[in-house]
C-alpha cells in the first residue's frame, strides 16, 4: 500500500518535532537509573506528539475559519405553465 506525500510529510515533520523536543528537554532526562530515563523519554515523546497534533488541528481550524465561502445565485428563465 502506497503512502501519499501528505502522510509522509506529516510523519517526517512529527519525527523532527519529537526529536527537537527531546533534545530541548535532555537535561531533565539525566539520571543514573536507565529505567527512569526510558520512562521519562517515553513521556516526553507522548507529550511532543500531542503538542504537534494539537498545533496542526489549531492551524487547520484557523485556515477553515479564514476560508470564505462564496455563493453565486443563478437566475433561471421564467417558464409558462
N, C-alpha and C. Protein backbone atom coordinates (compact mmCIF):
# COMPACT_ATOMS: atom_id res chain seq x y z
N UNK A 1 0.85 -1.18 0.00
CA UNK A 1 0.00 0.00 0.00
C UNK A 1 0.89 1.24 0.00
N UNK A 2 0.58 2.16 -0.86
CA UNK A 2 1.40 3.34 -1.03
C UNK A 2 0.92 4.46 -0.12
N UNK A 3 1.87 5.10 0.57
CA UNK A 3 1.54 6.22 1.45
C UNK A 3 1.66 7.50 0.64
N UNK A 4 0.65 8.37 0.75
CA UNK A 4 0.71 9.60 -0.04
C UNK A 4 1.68 10.61 0.57
N UNK A 5 2.00 11.62 -0.20
CA UNK A 5 3.01 12.59 0.20
C UNK A 5 2.64 13.36 1.45
N UNK A 6 1.36 13.67 1.64
CA UNK A 6 0.96 14.43 2.83
C UNK A 6 1.18 13.61 4.10
N UNK A 7 0.94 12.31 4.04
CA UNK A 7 1.20 11.45 5.20
C UNK A 7 2.69 11.35 5.48
N UNK A 8 3.49 11.25 4.42
CA UNK A 8 4.94 11.19 4.59
C UNK A 8 5.46 12.50 5.18
N UNK A 9 4.94 13.61 4.70
CA UNK A 9 5.35 14.92 5.21
C UNK A 9 4.96 15.05 6.68
N UNK A 10 3.74 14.61 7.02
CA UNK A 10 3.27 14.66 8.40
C UNK A 10 4.19 13.84 9.30
N UNK A 11 4.48 12.60 8.90
CA UNK A 11 5.33 11.73 9.70
C UNK A 11 6.73 12.31 9.86
N UNK A 12 7.26 12.86 8.78
CA UNK A 12 8.60 13.44 8.81
C UNK A 12 8.66 14.65 9.75
N UNK A 13 7.69 15.55 9.63
CA UNK A 13 7.67 16.73 10.48
C UNK A 13 7.42 16.38 11.94
N UNK A 14 6.55 15.40 12.17
CA UNK A 14 6.29 14.98 13.55
C UNK A 14 7.56 14.39 14.17
N UNK A 15 8.28 13.58 13.40
CA UNK A 15 9.52 12.98 13.90
C UNK A 15 10.54 14.06 14.25
N UNK A 16 10.67 15.08 13.37
CA UNK A 16 11.60 16.17 13.63
C UNK A 16 11.21 16.92 14.91
N UNK A 17 9.90 17.16 15.07
CA UNK A 17 9.43 17.89 16.24
C UNK A 17 9.71 17.11 17.51
N UNK A 18 9.44 15.81 17.49
CA UNK A 18 9.67 14.97 18.67
C UNK A 18 11.15 14.95 19.02
N UNK A 19 12.00 14.79 18.02
CA UNK A 19 13.45 14.78 18.27
C UNK A 19 13.93 16.12 18.84
N UNK A 20 13.42 17.21 18.31
CA UNK A 20 13.80 18.53 18.81
C UNK A 20 13.32 18.73 20.24
N UNK A 21 12.12 18.25 20.52
CA UNK A 21 11.57 18.36 21.87
C UNK A 21 12.40 17.56 22.86
N UNK A 22 12.79 16.35 22.47
CA UNK A 22 13.64 15.53 23.33
C UNK A 22 15.00 16.19 23.56
N UNK A 23 15.55 16.78 22.51
CA UNK A 23 16.84 17.46 22.65
C UNK A 23 16.73 18.66 23.59
N UNK A 24 15.62 19.40 23.48
CA UNK A 24 15.40 20.56 24.35
C UNK A 24 15.26 20.15 25.81
N UNK A 25 14.68 18.99 26.04
CA UNK A 25 14.42 18.53 27.41
C UNK A 25 15.43 17.49 27.89
N UNK A 26 16.55 17.36 27.21
CA UNK A 26 17.51 16.32 27.54
C UNK A 26 18.09 16.48 28.95
N UNK A 27 18.16 17.70 29.44
CA UNK A 27 18.70 17.92 30.79
C UNK A 27 17.79 17.32 31.84
N UNK A 28 16.48 17.28 31.57
CA UNK A 28 15.53 16.69 32.51
C UNK A 28 15.67 15.17 32.57
N UNK A 29 16.21 14.58 31.51
CA UNK A 29 16.29 13.13 31.39
C UNK A 29 17.48 12.56 32.15
N UNK A 30 18.49 13.39 32.41
CA UNK A 30 19.71 12.89 33.04
C UNK A 30 19.40 12.21 34.36
N UNK A 31 19.80 10.96 34.46
CA UNK A 31 19.59 10.17 35.67
C UNK A 31 20.51 8.97 35.60
N UNK A 32 20.74 8.35 36.73
CA UNK A 32 21.60 7.16 36.75
C UNK A 32 20.79 5.90 36.48
N UNK A 33 19.51 5.94 36.73
CA UNK A 33 18.65 4.78 36.55
C UNK A 33 18.15 4.72 35.10
N UNK A 34 18.54 3.69 34.37
CA UNK A 34 18.18 3.58 32.95
C UNK A 34 16.67 3.44 32.77
N UNK A 35 16.01 2.72 33.65
CA UNK A 35 14.56 2.54 33.54
C UNK A 35 13.85 3.88 33.71
N UNK A 36 14.32 4.69 34.64
CA UNK A 36 13.73 6.01 34.86
C UNK A 36 13.94 6.91 33.65
N UNK A 37 15.11 6.83 33.04
CA UNK A 37 15.41 7.62 31.84
C UNK A 37 14.47 7.21 30.71
N UNK A 38 14.26 5.91 30.52
CA UNK A 38 13.37 5.43 29.45
C UNK A 38 11.94 5.88 29.68
N UNK A 39 11.46 5.80 30.92
CA UNK A 39 10.10 6.26 31.24
C UNK A 39 9.95 7.74 30.92
N UNK A 40 10.95 8.51 31.32
CA UNK A 40 10.89 9.95 31.10
C UNK A 40 10.93 10.27 29.60
N UNK A 41 11.78 9.58 28.83
CA UNK A 41 11.84 9.78 27.38
C UNK A 41 10.51 9.44 26.72
N UNK A 42 9.88 8.35 27.14
CA UNK A 42 8.58 7.96 26.57
C UNK A 42 7.51 9.01 26.86
N UNK A 43 7.52 9.52 28.10
CA UNK A 43 6.54 10.56 28.46
C UNK A 43 6.77 11.81 27.62
N UNK A 44 8.03 12.21 27.45
CA UNK A 44 8.33 13.39 26.64
C UNK A 44 7.94 13.19 25.18
N UNK A 45 8.13 11.97 24.66
CA UNK A 45 7.72 11.67 23.28
C UNK A 45 6.21 11.79 23.13
N UNK A 46 5.46 11.22 24.08
CA UNK A 46 3.99 11.31 24.02
C UNK A 46 3.54 12.76 24.06
N UNK A 47 4.14 13.55 24.96
CA UNK A 47 3.77 14.96 25.07
C UNK A 47 4.07 15.71 23.77
N UNK A 48 5.21 15.43 23.17
CA UNK A 48 5.59 16.11 21.92
C UNK A 48 4.62 15.76 20.80
N UNK A 49 4.21 14.49 20.72
CA UNK A 49 3.25 14.08 19.67
C UNK A 49 1.91 14.78 19.89
N UNK A 50 1.48 14.86 21.12
CA UNK A 50 0.21 15.53 21.42
C UNK A 50 0.29 17.01 21.05
N UNK A 51 1.38 17.66 21.41
CA UNK A 51 1.55 19.08 21.09
C UNK A 51 1.56 19.28 19.58
N UNK A 52 2.27 18.42 18.87
CA UNK A 52 2.36 18.53 17.41
C UNK A 52 0.98 18.38 16.78
N UNK A 53 0.24 17.34 17.19
CA UNK A 53 -1.08 17.10 16.60
C UNK A 53 -2.06 18.23 16.93
N UNK A 54 -2.01 18.73 18.17
CA UNK A 54 -2.90 19.82 18.54
C UNK A 54 -2.58 21.10 17.77
N UNK A 55 -1.30 21.35 17.53
CA UNK A 55 -0.92 22.53 16.75
C UNK A 55 -1.44 22.41 15.32
N UNK A 56 -1.32 21.22 14.74
CA UNK A 56 -1.84 21.02 13.38
C UNK A 56 -3.34 21.24 13.34
N UNK A 57 -4.06 20.71 14.32
CA UNK A 57 -5.51 20.91 14.36
C UNK A 57 -5.86 22.39 14.49
N UNK A 58 -5.12 23.09 15.34
CA UNK A 58 -5.39 24.52 15.54
C UNK A 58 -5.23 25.29 14.23
N UNK A 59 -4.11 25.07 13.55
CA UNK A 59 -3.88 25.81 12.31
C UNK A 59 -4.82 25.38 11.20
N UNK A 60 -5.23 24.13 11.20
CA UNK A 60 -6.21 23.67 10.22
C UNK A 60 -7.56 24.34 10.48
N UNK A 61 -7.97 24.40 11.74
CA UNK A 61 -9.22 25.07 12.09
C UNK A 61 -9.15 26.56 11.74
N UNK A 62 -8.01 27.17 11.99
CA UNK A 62 -7.83 28.58 11.68
C UNK A 62 -7.95 28.82 10.18
N UNK A 63 -7.38 27.94 9.40
CA UNK A 63 -7.47 28.07 7.94
C UNK A 63 -8.91 27.91 7.47
N UNK A 64 -9.66 26.99 8.09
CA UNK A 64 -11.06 26.81 7.72
C UNK A 64 -11.89 28.05 8.05
N UNK A 65 -11.60 28.69 9.17
CA UNK A 65 -12.33 29.89 9.55
C UNK A 65 -12.06 31.03 8.56
N UNK A 66 -10.83 31.13 8.09
CA UNK A 66 -10.47 32.22 7.19
C UNK A 66 -10.93 31.98 5.76
N UNK A 67 -11.20 30.71 5.44
CA UNK A 67 -11.65 30.39 4.09
C UNK A 67 -13.05 30.97 3.91
N UNK A 68 -13.21 31.72 2.86
CA UNK A 68 -14.51 32.33 2.61
C UNK A 68 -15.29 31.48 1.62
N UNK A 69 -16.54 31.36 1.91
CA UNK A 69 -17.41 30.62 1.01
C UNK A 69 -18.19 31.63 0.18
N UNK A 70 -18.05 31.53 -1.12
CA UNK A 70 -18.80 32.45 -1.97
C UNK A 70 -19.94 31.67 -2.63
N UNK A 71 -21.11 32.24 -2.52
CA UNK A 71 -22.30 31.63 -3.10
C UNK A 71 -22.79 32.53 -4.22
N UNK A 72 -22.97 31.92 -5.36
CA UNK A 72 -23.45 32.67 -6.51
C UNK A 72 -24.85 32.20 -6.84
N UNK A 73 -25.78 33.13 -6.81
CA UNK A 73 -27.16 32.79 -7.13
C UNK A 73 -27.35 32.87 -8.64
N UNK A 74 -28.04 31.90 -9.14
CA UNK A 74 -28.30 31.83 -10.58
C UNK A 74 -29.78 32.11 -10.81
N UNK A 75 -30.03 32.98 -11.78
CA UNK A 75 -31.43 33.26 -12.14
C UNK A 75 -31.84 32.34 -13.27
N UNK A 76 -32.92 31.62 -13.05
CA UNK A 76 -33.43 30.74 -14.09
C UNK A 76 -34.45 31.50 -14.94
N UNK A 77 -34.51 31.19 -16.20
CA UNK A 77 -35.50 31.87 -17.04
C UNK A 77 -36.92 31.50 -16.64
N UNK A 78 -37.81 32.43 -16.79
CA UNK A 78 -39.20 32.17 -16.44
C UNK A 78 -39.81 31.21 -17.46
N UNK A 79 -40.65 30.32 -16.95
CA UNK A 79 -41.34 29.37 -17.84
C UNK A 79 -42.84 29.58 -17.71
N UNK A 80 -43.55 29.26 -18.75
CA UNK A 80 -45.01 29.37 -18.71
C UNK A 80 -45.58 27.98 -18.50
N UNK A 81 -46.57 27.91 -17.65
CA UNK A 81 -47.19 26.62 -17.36
C UNK A 81 -48.17 26.21 -18.41
